[in-house]
C-alpha atoms as a PDB file:
ATOM      1  CA  MET A   1     162.774  53.277  72.489  1.00  0.00           C
ATOM      2  CA  LYS A   2     164.116  53.860  76.050  1.00  0.00           C
ATOM      3  CA  ASN A   3     167.958  54.288  76.172  1.00  0.00           C
ATOM      4  CA  LYS A   4     168.938  51.077  77.959  1.00  0.00           C
ATOM      5  CA  GLU A   5     166.773  49.269  75.669  1.00  0.00           C
ATOM      6  CA  SER A   6     168.212  51.045  72.512  1.00  0.00           C
ATOM      7  CA  VAL A   7     171.805  50.096  73.847  1.00  0.00           C
ATOM      8  CA  THR A   8     170.628  46.525  74.166  1.00  0.00           C
ATOM      9  CA  LEU A   9     169.336  46.260  70.748  1.00  0.00           C
ATOM     10  CA  LEU A  10     172.371  48.200  69.430  1.00  0.00           C
ATOM     11  CA  ASN A  11     174.691  45.615  71.061  1.00  0.00           C
ATOM     12  CA  GLU A  12     172.486  42.857  69.630  1.00  0.00           C
ATOM     13  CA  TYR A  13     173.021  44.294  66.113  1.00  0.00           C
ATOM     14  CA  ILE A  14     176.912  44.772  66.539  1.00  0.00           C
ATOM     15  CA  ASN A  15     177.043  41.010  67.961  1.00  0.00           C
ATOM     16  CA  ALA A  16     174.953  39.931  65.043  1.00  0.00           C
ATOM     17  CA  TYR A  17     177.193  41.907  62.670  1.00  0.00           C
ATOM     18  CA  LEU A  18     180.422  40.538  64.104  1.00  0.00           C
ATOM     19  CA  ALA A  19     179.131  37.045  64.108  1.00  0.00           C
ATOM     20  CA  THR A  20     177.395  36.711  60.861  1.00  0.00           C
ATOM     21  CA  LEU A  21     177.259  39.873  58.483  1.00  0.00           C
ATOM     22  CA  LYS A  22     180.846  40.620  58.517  1.00  0.00           C
ATOM     23  CA  TYR A  23     181.663  37.213  57.036  1.00  0.00           C
ATOM     24  CA  LEU A  24     178.584  37.116  54.413  1.00  0.00           C
ATOM     25  CA  ASP A  25     180.797  38.471  51.858  1.00  0.00           C
ATOM     26  CA  GLU A  26     183.249  35.505  52.333  1.00  0.00           C
ATOM     27  CA  VAL A  27     180.385  32.972  52.205  1.00  0.00           C
ATOM     28  CA  ILE A  28     178.903  34.508  49.029  1.00  0.00           C
ATOM     29  CA  SER A  29     182.328  34.872  47.317  1.00  0.00           C
ATOM     30  CA  GLU A  30     183.481  31.266  48.118  1.00  0.00           C
ATOM     31  CA  PRO A  31     182.124  29.864  44.828  1.00  0.00           C
ATOM     32  CA  ALA A  32     184.532  32.085  43.002  1.00  0.00           C
ATOM     33  CA  ASP A  33     187.596  31.694  45.080  1.00  0.00           C
ATOM     34  CA  GLU A  34     188.991  28.892  42.987  1.00  0.00           C
ATOM     35  CA  TYR A  35     189.381  31.246  40.136  1.00  0.00           C
ATOM     36  CA  GLY A  36     190.789  33.959  42.000  1.00  0.00           C
ATOM     37  CA  LEU A  37     187.748  36.005  41.599  1.00  0.00           C
ATOM     38  CA  SER A  38     186.087  38.533  44.045  1.00  0.00           C
ATOM     39  CA  PHE A  39     182.130  38.261  44.299  1.00  0.00           C
ATOM     40  CA  GLU A  40     182.277  41.945  42.434  1.00  0.00           C
ATOM     41  CA  GLN A  41     184.521  40.611  39.755  1.00  0.00           C
ATOM     42  CA  TYR A  42     182.339  37.690  39.249  1.00  0.00           C
ATOM     43  CA  LEU A  43     179.283  39.966  39.156  1.00  0.00           C
ATOM     44  CA  ILE A  44     180.725  42.123  36.446  1.00  0.00           C
ATOM     45  CA  MET A  45     181.200  38.762  34.510  1.00  0.00           C
ATOM     46  CA  HIS A  46     177.659  37.633  35.173  1.00  0.00           C
ATOM     47  CA  SER A  47     176.737  41.049  33.662  1.00  0.00           C
ATOM     48  CA  ILE A  48     178.641  40.607  30.538  1.00  0.00           C
ATOM     49  CA  ALA A  49     177.306  37.009  30.124  1.00  0.00           C
ATOM     50  CA  GLU A  50     173.917  38.406  30.447  1.00  0.00           C
ATOM     51  CA  CYS A  51     174.393  41.445  27.961  1.00  0.00           C
ATOM     52  CA  ASP A  52     177.516  40.684  25.755  1.00  0.00           C
ATOM     53  CA  GLY A  53     179.080  44.118  24.581  1.00  0.00           C
ATOM     54  CA  ILE A  54     178.087  45.801  28.065  1.00  0.00           C
ATOM     55  CA  THR A  55     180.160  48.766  28.875  1.00  0.00           C
ATOM     56  CA  LEU A  56     181.861  50.010  32.026  1.00  0.00           C
ATOM     57  CA  THR A  57     179.211  52.839  32.322  1.00  0.00           C
ATOM     58  CA  ASP A  58     176.424  50.483  31.844  1.00  0.00           C
ATOM     59  CA  ILE A  59     177.964  48.379  34.797  1.00  0.00           C
ATOM     60  CA  VAL A  60     178.577  51.548  36.978  1.00  0.00           C
ATOM     61  CA  ALA A  61     174.809  52.875  36.404  1.00  0.00           C
ATOM     62  CA  SER A  62     173.633  49.182  37.359  1.00  0.00           C
ATOM     63  CA  ARG A  63     175.745  48.649  40.380  1.00  0.00           C
ATOM     64  CA  HIS A  64     175.685  51.970  41.997  1.00  0.00           C
ATOM     65  CA  VAL A  65     179.370  52.068  42.524  1.00  0.00           C
ATOM     66  CA  THR A  66     181.920  54.399  41.352  1.00  0.00           C
ATOM     67  CA  ARG A  67     183.537  54.331  37.976  1.00  0.00           C
ATOM     68  CA  ALA A  68     186.911  53.859  39.509  1.00  0.00           C
ATOM     69  CA  ALA A  69     185.782  50.816  41.617  1.00  0.00           C
ATOM     70  CA  VAL A  70     184.434  49.102  38.449  1.00  0.00           C
ATOM     71  CA  SER A  71     187.383  50.113  36.160  1.00  0.00           C
ATOM     72  CA  ARG A  72     189.726  48.416  38.863  1.00  0.00           C
ATOM     73  CA  GLN A  73     187.934  45.148  38.754  1.00  0.00           C
ATOM     74  CA  ILE A  74     187.591  45.316  35.098  1.00  0.00           C
ATOM     75  CA  LYS A  75     191.515  46.004  34.728  1.00  0.00           C
ATOM     76  CA  MET A  76     191.926  42.566  36.993  1.00  0.00           C
ATOM     77  CA  LEU A  77     189.589  40.640  34.805  1.00  0.00           C
ATOM     78  CA  LEU A  78     191.336  41.718  31.652  1.00  0.00           C
ATOM     79  CA  LYS A  79     194.763  40.624  33.612  1.00  0.00           C
ATOM     80  CA  LYS A  80     193.384  37.201  34.136  1.00  0.00           C
ATOM     81  CA  GLU A  81     192.173  36.851  30.614  1.00  0.00           C
ATOM     82  CA  TYR A  82     188.449  36.345  31.467  1.00  0.00           C
ATOM     83  CA  VAL A  83     187.365  39.564  29.855  1.00  0.00           C
ATOM     84  CA  TYR A  84     188.542  41.408  26.595  1.00  0.00           C
ATOM     85  CA  GLN A  85     187.720  44.840  25.351  1.00  0.00           C
ATOM     86  CA  GLU A  86     186.760  45.941  21.662  1.00  0.00           C
ATOM     87  CA  ALA A  87     185.870  49.486  20.565  1.00  0.00           C
ATOM     88  CA  ASP A  88     182.353  50.053  19.541  1.00  0.00           C
ATOM     89  CA  ALA A  89     182.243  50.374  15.779  1.00  0.00           C
ATOM     90  CA  LYS A  90     179.654  53.207  15.782  1.00  0.00           C
ATOM     91  CA  ASP A  91     181.697  54.923  18.553  1.00  0.00           C
ATOM     92  CA  ARG A  92     185.272  54.224  18.698  1.00  0.00           C
ATOM     93  CA  ARG A  93     185.524  55.881  22.090  1.00  0.00           C
ATOM     94  CA  ARG A  94     183.206  53.313  23.750  1.00  0.00           C
ATOM     95  CA  MET A  95     184.818  50.077  24.787  1.00  0.00           C
ATOM     96  CA  LEU A  96     182.412  47.031  24.830  1.00  0.00           C
ATOM     97  CA  LEU A  97     183.354  44.264  27.213  1.00  0.00           C
ATOM     98  CA  HIS A  98     183.203  40.716  26.249  1.00  0.00           C
ATOM     99  CA  LEU A  99     183.776  37.121  28.135  1.00  0.00           C
ATOM    100  CA  THR A 100     186.856  35.230  26.540  1.00  0.00           C
ATOM    101  CA  GLU A 101     186.192  31.524  26.114  1.00  0.00           C
ATOM    102  CA  GLY A 102     187.701  30.668  29.703  1.00  0.00           C
ATOM    103  CA  GLY A 103     185.751  33.399  31.191  1.00  0.00           C
ATOM    104  CA  LEU A 104     182.578  32.274  29.688  1.00  0.00           C
ATOM    105  CA  ALA A 105     183.126  28.650  31.169  1.00  0.00           C
ATOM    106  CA  ILE A 106     184.372  30.145  34.411  1.00  0.00           C
ATOM    107  CA  GLU A 107     181.274  32.389  34.624  1.00  0.00           C
ATOM    108  CA  GLU A 108     178.994  29.401  33.794  1.00  0.00           C
ATOM    109  CA  ILE A 109     180.541  27.314  36.739  1.00  0.00           C
ATOM    110  CA  VAL A 110     180.407  29.994  39.209  1.00  0.00           C
ATOM    111  CA  THR A 111     176.802  30.834  38.349  1.00  0.00           C
ATOM    112  CA  GLN A 112     175.850  27.368  38.995  1.00  0.00           C
ATOM    113  CA  ARG A 113     177.719  27.292  42.278  1.00  0.00           C
ATOM    114  CA  VAL A 114     176.030  30.456  43.310  1.00  0.00           C
ATOM    115  CA  THR A 115     172.728  29.087  42.439  1.00  0.00           C
ATOM    116  CA  ASP A 116     173.060  25.996  44.242  1.00  0.00           C
ATOM    117  CA  ARG A 117     174.207  27.861  47.353  1.00  0.00           C
ATOM    118  CA  PHE A 118     171.357  30.295  47.063  1.00  0.00           C
ATOM    119  CA  ASP A 119     169.018  27.199  46.414  1.00  0.00           C
ATOM    120  CA  GLY A 120     170.340  25.742  49.817  1.00  0.00           C
ATOM    121  CA  TRP A 121     169.349  29.213  51.491  1.00  0.00           C
ATOM    122  CA  VAL A 122     165.731  29.157  50.269  1.00  0.00           C
ATOM    123  CA  GLU A 123     165.392  25.445  51.081  1.00  0.00           C
ATOM    124  CA  ALA A 124     166.530  26.070  54.716  1.00  0.00           C
ATOM    125  CA  PHE A 125     164.335  28.981  55.092  1.00  0.00           C
ATOM    126  CA  GLY A 126     161.513  28.429  52.682  1.00  0.00           C
ATOM    127  CA  GLU A 127     160.583  30.736  49.795  1.00  0.00           C
ATOM    128  CA  GLU A 128     158.142  32.718  51.747  1.00  0.00           C
ATOM    129  CA  ARG A 129     160.735  33.605  54.449  1.00  0.00           C
ATOM    130  CA  ALA A 130     163.375  34.185  52.137  1.00  0.00           C
ATOM    131  CA  ARG A 131     161.034  36.707  50.277  1.00  0.00           C
ATOM    132  CA  ASP A 132     160.491  38.540  53.626  1.00  0.00           C
ATOM    133  CA  ILE A 133     164.259  38.458  54.080  1.00  0.00           C
ATOM    134  CA  LEU A 134     164.907  39.992  50.775  1.00  0.00           C
ATOM    135  CA  GLN A 135     161.879  42.553  51.112  1.00  0.00           C
ATOM    136  CA  PHE A 136     163.590  43.597  54.523  1.00  0.00           C
ATOM    137  CA  ILE A 137     166.905  44.233  52.958  1.00  0.00           C
ATOM    138  CA  GLN A 138     165.468  46.107  50.035  1.00  0.00           C
ATOM    139  CA  ARG A 139     163.494  48.307  52.623  1.00  0.00           C
ATOM    140  CA  PHE A 140     166.657  48.798  54.731  1.00  0.00           C
ATOM    141  CA  ASP A 141     168.468  49.906  51.619  1.00  0.00           C
ATOM    142  CA  GLU A 142     165.521  52.461  50.795  1.00  0.00           C
ATOM    143  CA  LYS A 143     165.254  53.791  54.347  1.00  0.00           C
ATOM    144  CA  VAL A 144     168.771  53.860  55.600  1.00  0.00           C
ATOM    145  CA  VAL A 145     171.341  52.816  53.246  1.00  0.00           C
ATOM    146  CA  SER A 146     170.406  54.931  50.157  1.00  0.00           C
ATOM    147  CA  LYS A 147     169.501  57.936  52.398  1.00  0.00           C
ATOM    148  CA  SER A 148     173.127  57.633  53.812  1.00  0.00           C
ATOM    149  CA  ARG A 149     174.624  57.642  50.516  1.00  0.00           C
ATOM    150  CA  ALA A 150     172.400  60.622  49.258  1.00  0.00           C
ATOM    151  CA  LYS A 151     173.508  62.393  52.549  1.00  0.00           C
ATOM    152  CA  ALA A 152     177.086  61.640  52.038  1.00  0.00           C
ATOM    153  CA  ARG A 153     177.073  62.913  48.481  1.00  0.00           C
ATOM    154  CA  GLY A 154     175.321  66.165  49.532  1.00  0.00           C
ATOM    155  CA  LEU A 155     172.022  65.412  47.726  1.00  0.00           C
ATOM    156  CA  ILE A 156     169.822  65.721  50.921  1.00  0.00           C
END
């Protein structure tokens, strides 16, 4: 690509980021705001709802984030009494995560809100276009983001 075209394309990407992508997290996290939850905290609660007794290590592996990041989020969920921990009967060092009764109710409400919001996006774009967007994001992760993470960790 020619230099001027490359700079123009870069500027368009920056403008798209500033106008839209930068605020995407806010748009996604809005359904959980009422309960003082970040979207990451909601996702942890959702994981626990789907697999009661999941561990912090399980969440770290599935989310591709650091143990410290997940631990901080779980600490906040414990403080809000949305989640509780219990030692695994087979290995007392392992802590199993469960939703409290209130946490379960909130997770169900937020999941419905997230689902409704997503259904609106699919309706706006159509299912085929929504799948195309998802495939593009997955390819971008594979070809750009994952490689950058691996390079930063010294793996490539």
